[in-house]
Protein backbone atom coordinates (compact mmCIF):
# COMPACT_ATOMS: atom_id res chain seq x y z
CA MET A 1 -41.79 18.12 26.54
CA ASP A 2 -41.63 20.05 29.68
CA ARG A 3 -39.37 23.15 29.88
CA ARG A 4 -36.38 21.57 31.33
CA THR A 5 -36.21 18.72 28.27
CA PHE A 6 -36.62 21.57 26.43
CA LEU A 7 -33.51 23.47 27.33
CA GLU A 8 -31.40 20.39 27.48
CA ALA A 9 -32.18 19.98 24.00
CA VAL A 10 -31.50 23.20 22.83
CA ALA A 11 -27.77 23.62 25.26
CA PHE A 12 -27.01 19.87 23.34
CA THR A 13 -28.09 20.51 19.60
CA PRO A 14 -24.51 22.95 19.08
CA LEU A 15 -22.52 19.98 20.72
CA VAL A 16 -24.14 17.13 18.76
CA LEU A 17 -24.23 19.02 15.62
CA SER A 18 -20.12 19.92 16.01
CA GLY A 19 -19.79 16.42 16.68
CA CYS A 20 -21.01 15.31 13.68
CA ASP A 21 -19.18 17.99 11.65
CA SER A 22 -15.89 16.86 12.81
CA LYS A 23 -16.58 13.32 12.16
CA ALA A 24 -16.84 14.86 8.46
CA ARG A 25 -14.01 16.84 8.63
CA SER A 26 -11.79 13.61 9.98
CA ALA A 27 -12.71 11.57 7.12
CA ALA A 28 -11.82 14.47 4.86
CA ALA A 29 -8.50 14.92 6.60
CA SER A 30 -8.25 10.98 6.02
CA ALA A 31 -8.62 11.67 2.52
CA GLN A 32 -6.41 14.50 2.52
CA GLU A 33 -3.63 12.73 4.23
CA VAL A 34 -4.19 9.49 1.77
CA GLU A 35 -3.76 12.14 -1.21
CA ALA A 36 -0.78 14.00 0.50
CA MET A 37 0.88 10.14 0.91
CA ARG A 38 0.74 9.85 -2.77
CA ARG A 39 1.80 13.66 -3.57
CA ASP A 40 4.67 13.78 -1.01
CA TRP A 41 6.13 10.34 -1.30
CA LYS A 42 9.69 11.34 -1.65
CA ALA A 43 9.60 12.97 1.38
CA LEU A 44 10.75 9.27 3.16
CA LEU A 45 13.13 8.50 0.18
CA ALA A 46 16.43 8.84 1.91
CA PRO A 47 19.54 10.99 -0.02
CA GLY A 48 21.41 9.08 -2.37
CA ALA A 49 18.90 5.85 -1.82
CA ASP A 50 19.45 3.03 -4.45
CA VAL A 51 16.35 3.25 -6.26
CA THR A 52 15.30 4.35 -9.76
CA LEU A 53 12.50 6.74 -10.32
CA SER A 54 12.32 5.77 -14.15
CA THR A 55 8.91 4.11 -15.09
CA LEU A 56 10.36 3.01 -18.77
CA PRO A 57 9.79 -0.85 -19.14
CA LEU A 58 12.82 -3.04 -18.24
CA GLN A 59 13.41 -5.60 -20.45
CA ARG A 60 15.83 -8.49 -19.48
CA SER A 61 15.24 -12.75 -20.44
CA GLU A 62 14.16 -15.07 -17.96
CA ALA A 63 18.01 -16.23 -17.84
CA GLU A 64 19.20 -12.51 -16.68
CA TRP A 65 15.98 -12.43 -13.91
CA GLN A 66 17.70 -15.86 -13.02
CA LYS A 67 20.82 -14.36 -12.17
CA ILE A 68 19.69 -11.73 -10.64
CA LEU A 69 16.88 -12.92 -8.43
CA SER A 70 16.81 -15.16 -5.24
CA PRO A 71 14.86 -18.42 -5.93
CA ALA A 72 12.26 -17.22 -3.98
CA ARG A 73 11.97 -13.49 -5.49
CA PHE A 74 12.18 -15.24 -9.07
CA GLU A 75 9.13 -17.34 -8.11
CA VAL A 76 7.11 -14.80 -6.91
CA LEU A 77 8.52 -11.70 -9.27
CA ARG A 78 8.18 -13.87 -12.34
CA GLU A 79 6.55 -16.42 -11.77
CA GLU A 80 3.89 -15.06 -9.84
CA GLY A 81 3.91 -17.08 -6.77
CA THR A 82 2.73 -16.35 -3.39
CA GLU A 83 5.29 -16.49 -0.37
CA ARG A 84 4.15 -18.17 2.83
CA ALA A 85 2.12 -15.59 5.12
CA PHE A 86 4.03 -14.53 8.37
CA THR A 87 7.45 -15.08 6.71
CA SER A 88 8.36 -11.93 5.95
CA PRO A 89 10.14 -9.30 7.95
CA LEU A 90 9.00 -6.64 6.04
CA ASP A 91 5.37 -7.62 7.31
CA LYS A 92 6.24 -6.38 10.79
CA GLU A 93 8.74 -3.49 9.63
CA LYS A 94 7.61 0.10 11.26
CA ARG A 95 10.70 2.39 10.35
CA PRO A 96 10.08 5.56 8.14
CA GLY A 97 11.10 4.47 4.72
CA VAL A 98 10.52 3.33 1.23
CA HIS A 99 9.00 -0.01 -0.02
CA ALA A 100 10.76 -0.58 -3.27
CA CYS A 101 10.46 -3.38 -5.97
CA ALA A 102 13.55 -6.22 -5.16
CA GLY A 103 13.60 -6.64 -9.18
CA CYS A 104 13.79 -2.88 -9.99
CA GLY A 105 14.26 -0.27 -7.48
CA LEU A 106 11.06 1.39 -8.31
CA PRO A 107 9.78 2.92 -5.25
CA LEU A 108 6.30 1.58 -4.67
CA PHE A 109 5.12 2.11 -1.56
CA THR A 110 6.12 4.24 1.78
CA SER A 111 5.89 3.40 5.71
CA ARG A 112 3.24 6.27 5.68
CA MET A 113 0.69 4.25 3.23
CA LYS A 114 1.51 0.49 5.52
CA TYR A 115 -0.69 -0.99 8.11
CA ASP A 116 -0.75 -4.10 10.40
CA SER A 117 -3.82 -5.81 7.92
CA GLY A 118 -3.15 -8.97 10.23
CA THR A 119 -3.00 -11.31 7.04
CA GLY A 120 0.79 -11.87 7.71
CA TRP A 121 1.59 -9.84 4.60
CA PRO A 122 3.14 -6.28 4.41
CA SER A 123 -0.16 -4.44 3.67
CA PHE A 124 -0.80 -0.79 2.65
CA ILE A 125 -3.55 1.51 1.91
CA THR A 126 -2.56 3.06 -1.37
CA HIS A 127 0.53 3.15 -3.43
CA ILE A 128 2.97 5.42 -5.16
CA PRO A 129 1.03 6.46 -8.10
CA GLY A 130 1.89 5.50 -11.60
CA HIS A 131 4.25 2.72 -10.00
CA LEU A 132 1.70 -0.21 -10.26
CA GLY A 133 -0.37 -2.07 -12.92
CA THR A 134 -3.05 -4.03 -12.28
CA LYS A 135 -5.01 -7.13 -14.18
CA GLN A 136 -7.50 -9.61 -13.35
CA ASP A 137 -6.34 -13.19 -12.04
CA TYR A 138 -8.54 -16.01 -12.21
CA LYS A 139 -6.12 -18.39 -10.93
CA LEU A 140 -8.35 -19.47 -8.10
CA VAL A 141 -11.33 -19.64 -10.21
CA LEU A 142 -13.07 -16.02 -8.88
CA PRO A 143 -11.07 -13.11 -10.29
CA ARG A 144 -8.49 -11.35 -8.16
CA THR A 145 -7.26 -7.71 -9.00
CA GLU A 146 -3.31 -8.72 -9.07
CA TYR A 147 -0.58 -5.91 -9.63
CA HIS A 148 2.80 -5.72 -10.79
CA CYS A 149 5.31 -3.05 -10.61
CA ILE A 150 5.56 -0.67 -13.93
CA ARG A 151 8.74 -0.77 -14.78
CA CYS A 152 9.71 -4.32 -14.79
CA GLY A 153 6.42 -6.51 -14.44
CA GLY A 154 7.12 -7.91 -11.21
CA HIS A 155 4.35 -9.59 -9.46
CA GLN A 156 4.03 -7.66 -6.17
CA GLY A 157 0.56 -9.59 -4.96
CA HIS A 158 -2.91 -8.60 -5.02
CA VAL A 159 -5.19 -5.75 -4.29
CA PHE A 160 -8.67 -6.34 -2.22
CA ASP A 161 -11.22 -3.87 -1.16
CA ASP A 162 -11.46 -4.89 2.73
CA GLY A 163 -8.89 -2.77 3.68
CA PRO A 164 -9.28 0.82 6.54
CA PRO A 165 -11.07 3.60 5.12
CA PRO A 166 -10.69 5.98 3.60
CA THR A 167 -9.67 4.24 0.83
CA HIS A 168 -11.17 0.74 1.90
CA GLU A 169 -8.04 -1.00 -0.24
CA ARG A 170 -5.30 -3.30 0.87
CA TRP A 171 -2.69 -3.71 -1.69
CA CYS A 172 -1.72 -6.98 -0.29
CA ASN A 173 2.22 -7.35 -1.14
CA ASN A 174 4.95 -10.08 -1.00
CA GLY A 175 7.31 -9.24 1.00
CA VAL A 176 10.03 -11.20 -0.70
CA ALA A 177 9.28 -8.81 -3.85
CA LEU A 178 10.00 -5.65 -2.09
CA ARG A 179 13.22 -4.26 -0.48
CA PHE A 180 12.78 -1.55 2.13
CA ILE A 181 15.16 1.59 2.41
CA PRO A 182 15.15 3.07 5.52
CA ALA A 183 14.41 7.17 5.58
């Protein structure tokens, strides 16, 4: 190695190392940002918003649900149906706010958690802790993880492991199962 190559390598080593360090810090900041989304979700809840913060189970008969919900919402929330892709206006919703269960009003996601997955359904990288429950779904032969509102049991969608970093999760939600409340 000649002297010039050696000096160039010595001169650029701190830049290369600092670049690696900033990538690690960036990933850590992203994980910290997700934790902040989970912790500080109420910051996007409008004062006086028509939501419930109670996670106590809500019991209603199927007849009561049919009176309260539109046919489309009833099919998804109570019968675990799926709306057609690209039919929900919430897929393109970009305003700051909170996405609550359309059945009972429990906040499930915030706009900071949302991203465009290109699937045609509102998608989120994480959710509000303690507001969703999961179970295995075998309807398409292969197992999928289905999730429901913890309060009313309303079917929301499925969670997949093909989302963006740092969670790599895609909480793929039926738009009809949500109600958007602007901040």
